[in-house]
Amino acid sequence: MSTQAESNGSDHPIEVVLVTGMSGAGRTTVANVLEDMDWYVVDNLPPQMMRPLVELVARADGALPKIAIVTDSKGRAKYEELEDTISDFLDQGLSLRILYLEAADEVLVRRFESTRRPHPLQGEGTLLEGIEGERSALESLKHRADIIIDTSELNVHQLSTQVRKRFSTVDTPLLRLTVMSFGFKYGLPKDADHIADVRFLPNPYWIPHLRGHNGLDSDVADFVLGQNGAEEFIERYTATLDTVSQGYLHEGRGYAMIGIGCTGGKHRSVAISERVAKSLAAQTGIPVTVRHRDLGRE
């Protein structure tokens, strides 16, 4: 199947992915990852509503170009209806990708037992009977899948990484980083993953002609970056963050916050944050945003 769905007469292509497969194989994880990648995710959508959804989004004139439809298990009849809907998509000139999630029976049994929830198709039978019934109902749909991921040996982070790699584009970064300057006297950023303290550098606050300026001003930045140890710190800290970022990518993490603090968050931390962000983006190729939390404080 092709990877683009397009509304009749629309100049804006709509990319549609149908996320299906065995219950307990990771549909929720996949949905969360796609949502983080700016897909419009619809969970548990009845098959007969798939076409109206795509047509509605098409009229949004490209505002929602990527749709992920997640289906769950409600019986064989639902999947037969779903296959009819897929055929209707193709007959009408629309196309979509089907992502099918698979896992071994024993793995699914362990996952359901750990959550203490029954299988959707278990009914009055055993857990394994519910799994076997679902596998049988999904067999023909599995054969139509464009992507099959077996999650038997994957944890949630590894599955997230696989999904990100398969659905990312040049415009969709696998990881986003934010470098935030702050003042220690106003408290640590609560959502920071890493904290760096640059109070080891001389404080421009005590230089009369610099006190009223901040780290975005060239005279303050030149003073801070010209101090002994400043460039060495930036070089070594950026290298450390590069290593950490690669670990985040491997673990499927989509976002991280780096906090760089000085006393008031106005001079040293601002200048160093700007330089670290620039160096980090150049070294890793990862999009980096800079924020200055306390710059406007008195």
Protein backbone atom coordinates (compact mmCIF):
# COMPACT_ATOMS: atom_id res chain seq x y z
CA MET A 1 0.00 0.00 0.00
CA SER A 2 1.18 3.51 -0.61
CA THR A 3 1.91 5.85 2.24
CA GLN A 4 -0.26 8.80 1.30
CA ALA A 5 -4.00 9.25 1.55
CA GLU A 6 -5.51 12.14 -0.36
CA SER A 7 -9.00 13.58 -0.34
CA ASN A 8 -10.87 13.90 -3.61
CA GLY A 9 -9.90 17.20 -5.21
CA SER A 10 -7.66 18.26 -2.32
CA ASP A 11 -4.18 19.64 -2.81
CA HIS A 12 -3.22 18.56 0.71
CA PRO A 13 -2.18 14.91 1.11
CA ILE A 14 -3.42 13.14 4.22
CA GLU A 15 -1.24 10.44 5.70
CA VAL A 16 -3.28 7.74 7.46
CA VAL A 17 -2.01 4.87 9.56
CA LEU A 18 -4.22 2.18 11.05
CA VAL A 19 -2.76 0.80 14.27
CA THR A 20 -4.07 -2.66 15.04
CA GLY A 21 -2.90 -6.07 16.23
CA MET A 22 -2.99 -8.21 19.32
CA SER A 23 -4.32 -6.80 22.57
CA GLY A 24 -1.42 -6.34 24.95
CA ALA A 25 1.11 -5.97 22.12
CA GLY A 26 1.60 -2.22 22.60
CA ARG A 27 -1.12 -0.25 20.82
CA THR A 28 -1.28 2.36 23.59
CA THR A 29 2.48 2.89 23.47
CA VAL A 30 2.38 3.35 19.70
CA ALA A 31 -0.53 5.78 19.97
CA ASN A 32 1.35 7.87 22.54
CA VAL A 33 4.48 7.99 20.39
CA LEU A 34 2.58 9.03 17.28
CA GLU A 35 0.74 11.70 19.24
CA ASP A 36 4.08 13.05 20.47
CA MET A 37 5.16 13.16 16.81
CA ASP A 38 2.21 15.46 16.01
CA TRP A 39 -0.10 12.83 14.58
CA TYR A 40 -3.84 13.29 15.18
CA VAL A 41 -4.62 10.08 17.08
CA VAL A 42 -8.13 8.62 17.34
CA ASP A 43 -8.51 5.61 19.62
CA ASN A 44 -11.20 2.94 19.41
CA LEU A 45 -12.88 4.40 16.33
CA PRO A 46 -15.67 2.23 14.82
CA PRO A 47 -14.79 1.17 11.24
CA GLN A 48 -17.85 2.85 9.75
CA MET A 49 -16.58 6.20 11.08
CA MET A 50 -13.13 5.98 9.49
CA ARG A 51 -14.14 7.44 6.12
CA PRO A 52 -16.17 10.35 7.60
CA LEU A 53 -13.18 11.17 9.80
CA VAL A 54 -10.75 11.31 6.89
CA GLU A 55 -13.21 13.34 4.80
CA LEU A 56 -13.69 15.76 7.69
CA VAL A 57 -9.94 16.19 8.15
CA ALA A 58 -9.54 16.68 4.39
CA ARG A 59 -11.86 19.70 4.61
CA ALA A 60 -9.52 21.16 7.24
CA ASP A 61 -7.31 22.22 4.31
CA GLY A 62 -4.13 20.53 5.52
CA ALA A 63 -4.44 21.50 9.19
CA LEU A 64 -4.32 17.82 10.22
CA PRO A 65 -2.20 16.03 7.59
CA LYS A 66 -1.40 12.94 9.66
CA ILE A 67 -4.07 10.70 11.20
CA ALA A 68 -3.51 7.57 13.29
CA ILE A 69 -6.56 5.37 13.88
CA VAL A 70 -6.18 2.85 16.69
CA THR A 71 -8.51 -0.16 16.77
CA ASP A 72 -9.11 -2.62 19.59
CA SER A 73 -10.72 -6.03 19.90
CA LYS A 74 -14.51 -6.19 20.08
CA GLY A 75 -15.10 -9.39 18.20
CA ARG A 76 -14.64 -11.01 14.80
CA ALA A 77 -17.53 -9.07 13.24
CA LYS A 78 -15.77 -5.79 13.91
CA TYR A 79 -12.65 -6.92 12.09
CA GLU A 80 -14.65 -8.15 9.12
CA GLU A 81 -16.24 -4.70 8.97
CA LEU A 82 -12.82 -3.12 9.31
CA GLU A 83 -11.52 -5.07 6.33
CA ASP A 84 -14.50 -3.89 4.29
CA THR A 85 -13.69 -0.31 5.26
CA ILE A 86 -10.06 -0.75 4.22
CA SER A 87 -11.19 -2.07 0.84
CA ASP A 88 -13.51 0.93 0.53
CA PHE A 89 -10.57 3.25 1.14
CA LEU A 90 -8.66 1.65 -1.70
CA ASP A 91 -11.66 1.57 -4.04
CA GLN A 92 -12.20 5.29 -3.53
CA GLY A 93 -8.59 6.12 -4.38
CA LEU A 94 -7.52 6.64 -0.79
CA SER A 95 -4.63 4.74 0.70
CA LEU A 96 -3.23 4.07 4.13
CA ARG A 97 -0.61 2.13 6.03
CA ILE A 98 -1.52 -0.66 8.41
CA LEU A 99 0.73 -1.12 11.44
CA TYR A 100 0.19 -4.52 13.02
CA LEU A 101 1.51 -5.32 16.50
CA GLU A 102 2.31 -8.92 17.30
CA ALA A 103 3.53 -10.82 20.37
CA ALA A 104 3.90 -14.45 21.38
CA ASP A 105 1.07 -16.09 23.33
CA GLU A 106 3.14 -16.64 26.46
CA VAL A 107 4.24 -13.00 26.45
CA LEU A 108 0.67 -11.76 26.11
CA VAL A 109 -0.43 -14.07 28.92
CA ARG A 110 2.24 -12.59 31.20
CA ARG A 111 1.26 -9.04 30.31
CA PHE A 112 -2.43 -9.62 30.99
CA GLU A 113 -1.68 -11.42 34.24
CA SER A 114 0.51 -8.54 35.38
CA THR A 115 -2.33 -6.07 34.81
CA ARG A 116 -4.94 -8.47 36.26
CA ARG A 117 -7.35 -7.61 33.47
CA PRO A 118 -9.24 -10.10 31.30
CA HIS A 119 -8.65 -10.33 27.58
CA PRO A 120 -11.31 -8.44 25.55
CA LEU A 121 -12.37 -11.67 23.81
CA GLN A 122 -11.99 -13.95 26.81
CA GLY A 123 -15.64 -14.00 27.84
CA GLU A 124 -16.30 -17.02 30.07
CA GLY A 125 -13.28 -18.85 28.69
CA THR A 126 -9.61 -18.79 29.61
CA LEU A 127 -7.13 -16.02 28.93
CA LEU A 128 -5.31 -18.13 26.37
CA GLU A 129 -8.58 -18.91 24.57
CA GLY A 130 -9.25 -15.20 24.27
CA ILE A 131 -5.78 -14.62 22.81
CA GLU A 132 -6.17 -17.49 20.36
CA GLY A 133 -9.58 -16.22 19.28
CA GLU A 134 -8.24 -12.75 18.62
CA ARG A 135 -5.27 -14.10 16.68
CA SER A 136 -7.60 -16.10 14.47
CA ALA A 137 -9.88 -13.10 13.86
CA LEU A 138 -6.92 -10.92 12.93
CA GLU A 139 -5.15 -13.37 10.63
CA SER A 140 -6.34 -11.94 7.31
CA LEU A 141 -5.80 -8.35 8.50
CA LYS A 142 -2.24 -9.22 9.49
CA HIS A 143 -1.55 -10.37 5.93
CA ARG A 144 -2.61 -6.95 4.65
CA ALA A 145 -0.33 -5.07 7.03
CA ASP A 146 2.41 -2.82 5.69
CA ILE A 147 4.39 -2.90 8.92
CA ILE A 148 4.50 -5.76 11.43
CA ILE A 149 6.30 -5.26 14.74
CA ASP A 150 6.75 -8.20 17.08
CA THR A 151 6.97 -6.73 20.58
CA SER A 152 7.68 -10.01 22.39
CA GLU A 153 11.25 -8.99 23.20
CA LEU A 154 10.72 -5.22 23.30
CA ASN A 155 10.15 -2.97 26.29
CA VAL A 156 8.13 0.22 25.92
CA HIS A 157 11.25 2.30 25.23
CA GLN A 158 12.49 -0.03 22.50
CA LEU A 159 9.05 -0.12 20.88
CA SER A 160 8.89 3.67 21.01
CA THR A 161 12.25 3.89 19.28
CA GLN A 162 11.13 1.57 16.49
CA VAL A 163 7.96 3.57 15.89
CA ARG A 164 9.84 6.87 15.86
CA LYS A 165 12.35 5.57 13.34
CA ARG A 166 9.65 4.20 11.03
CA PHE A 167 7.43 7.29 11.09
CA SER A 168 9.89 10.14 11.46
CA THR A 169 10.71 12.43 8.56
CA VAL A 170 13.32 15.11 8.03
CA ASP A 171 10.80 17.51 9.59
CA THR A 172 10.06 15.27 12.57
CA PRO A 173 12.94 15.20 15.08
CA LEU A 174 13.29 12.06 17.18
CA LEU A 175 14.32 14.17 20.19
CA ARG A 176 13.72 17.75 21.24
CA LEU A 177 15.96 19.50 23.74
CA THR A 178 15.39 22.66 25.73
CA VAL A 179 18.19 24.56 27.45
CA MET A 180 16.82 26.79 30.20
CA SER A 181 18.72 29.41 32.14
CA PHE A 182 17.54 30.07 35.69
CA GLY A 183 18.47 31.67 38.99
CA PHE A 184 19.17 29.41 41.95
CA LYS A 185 17.67 31.97 44.31
CA TYR A 186 14.30 31.40 42.62
CA GLY A 187 14.47 27.61 42.90
CA LEU A 188 15.38 24.75 40.58
CA PRO A 189 13.32 24.10 37.44
CA LYS A 190 10.98 21.28 38.44
CA ASP A 191 11.02 19.63 35.03
CA ALA A 192 14.78 19.73 34.41
CA ASP A 193 16.52 16.46 33.57
CA HIS A 194 20.02 17.89 34.05
CA ILE A 195 21.26 20.81 36.12
CA ALA A 196 24.52 22.71 35.59
CA ASP A 197 25.82 25.32 38.01
CA VAL A 198 27.85 28.16 36.45
CA ARG A 199 28.27 30.16 39.64
CA PHE A 200 31.97 29.23 39.51
CA LEU A 201 32.38 32.06 36.99
CA PRO A 202 32.78 35.69 38.13
CA ASN A 203 29.44 37.46 38.40
CA PRO A 204 28.91 40.43 36.03
CA TYR A 205 26.44 41.79 38.57
CA TRP A 206 29.39 43.20 40.50
CA ILE A 207 30.68 45.08 37.46
CA PRO A 208 28.81 48.45 37.57
CA HIS A 209 28.52 48.97 33.81
CA LEU A 210 27.29 45.38 33.28
CA ARG A 211 24.85 45.13 36.18
CA GLY A 212 21.89 46.59 34.30
CA HIS A 213 22.43 44.37 31.25
CA ASN A 214 21.92 40.62 30.78
CA GLY A 215 23.56 37.65 29.12
CA LEU A 216 21.89 38.35 25.79
CA ASP A 217 23.87 41.58 25.52
CA SER A 218 27.21 41.21 23.77
CA ASP A 219 29.22 43.03 26.45
CA VAL A 220 27.93 40.69 29.18
CA ALA A 221 28.32 37.59 26.99
CA ASP A 222 31.88 38.57 26.08
CA PHE A 223 32.73 39.08 29.74
CA VAL A 224 31.26 35.71 30.81
CA LEU A 225 32.67 33.67 27.92
CA GLY A 226 36.07 35.32 28.32
CA GLN A 227 36.54 34.05 31.86
CA ASN A 228 38.97 31.23 32.61
CA GLY A 229 37.17 27.91 32.39
CA ALA A 230 34.10 29.15 30.51
CA GLU A 231 34.98 27.75 27.09
CA GLU A 232 36.35 24.55 28.62
CA PHE A 233 33.12 24.05 30.55
CA ILE A 234 31.00 24.58 27.43
CA GLU A 235 33.08 22.14 25.40
CA ARG A 236 33.05 19.40 28.03
CA TYR A 237 29.43 19.87 29.04
CA THR A 238 28.26 19.82 25.43
CA ALA A 239 30.17 16.57 24.87
CA THR A 240 28.47 15.09 27.93
CA LEU A 241 25.04 16.18 26.72
CA ASP A 242 25.78 14.68 23.31
CA THR A 243 26.37 11.29 24.95
CA VAL A 244 23.23 11.64 27.07
CA SER A 245 21.17 12.67 24.04
CA GLN A 246 22.24 9.57 22.13
CA GLY A 247 21.09 7.50 25.11
CA TYR A 248 17.74 9.27 25.07
CA LEU A 249 17.38 8.49 21.37
CA HIS A 250 18.19 4.84 22.01
CA GLU A 251 15.59 4.69 24.77
CA GLY A 252 12.93 6.36 22.63
CA ARG A 253 12.67 9.48 24.73
CA GLY A 254 11.19 12.44 22.87
CA TYR A 255 12.06 15.44 25.05
CA ALA A 256 14.61 16.57 27.62
CA MET A 257 15.24 19.75 29.60
CA ILE A 258 18.72 21.00 30.55
CA GLY A 259 18.83 23.67 33.26
CA ILE A 260 21.83 26.00 33.57
CA GLY A 261 21.79 28.18 36.65
CA CYS A 262 23.57 31.12 38.21
CA THR A 263 22.56 33.24 41.20
CA GLY A 264 19.83 35.39 39.64
CA GLY A 265 19.39 33.85 36.19
CA LYS A 266 20.24 37.10 34.42
CA HIS A 267 23.90 37.15 33.39
CA ARG A 268 26.08 34.02 33.51
CA SER A 269 23.42 31.36 33.02
CA VAL A 270 21.89 33.27 30.11
CA ALA A 271 25.16 33.68 28.23
CA ILE A 272 26.26 30.08 28.86
CA SER A 273 22.83 28.68 27.92
CA GLU A 274 22.89 30.47 24.59
CA ARG A 275 26.36 29.15 23.81
CA VAL A 276 25.64 25.58 25.00
CA ALA A 277 22.44 25.41 22.96
CA LYS A 278 24.23 26.58 19.82
CA SER A 279 27.10 24.13 20.31
CA LEU A 280 24.78 21.26 21.16
CA ALA A 281 22.62 21.79 18.09
CA ALA A 282 25.68 21.96 15.84
CA GLN A 283 27.27 18.88 17.39
CA THR A 284 24.21 16.60 17.55
CA GLY A 285 21.91 17.88 14.82
CA ILE A 286 19.06 17.76 17.36
CA PRO A 287 16.69 20.75 17.54
CA VAL A 288 17.47 22.83 20.62
CA THR A 289 15.26 25.54 22.09
CA VAL A 290 16.57 28.14 24.54
CA ARG A 291 14.47 29.62 27.32
CA HIS A 292 15.42 32.09 30.02
CA ARG A 293 13.13 31.51 32.96
CA ASP A 294 14.17 34.35 35.27
CA LEU A 295 15.43 36.96 32.85
CA GLY A 296 12.51 39.33 33.46
CA ARG A 297 12.65 39.19 37.25
CA GLU A 298 13.82 42.16 39.28
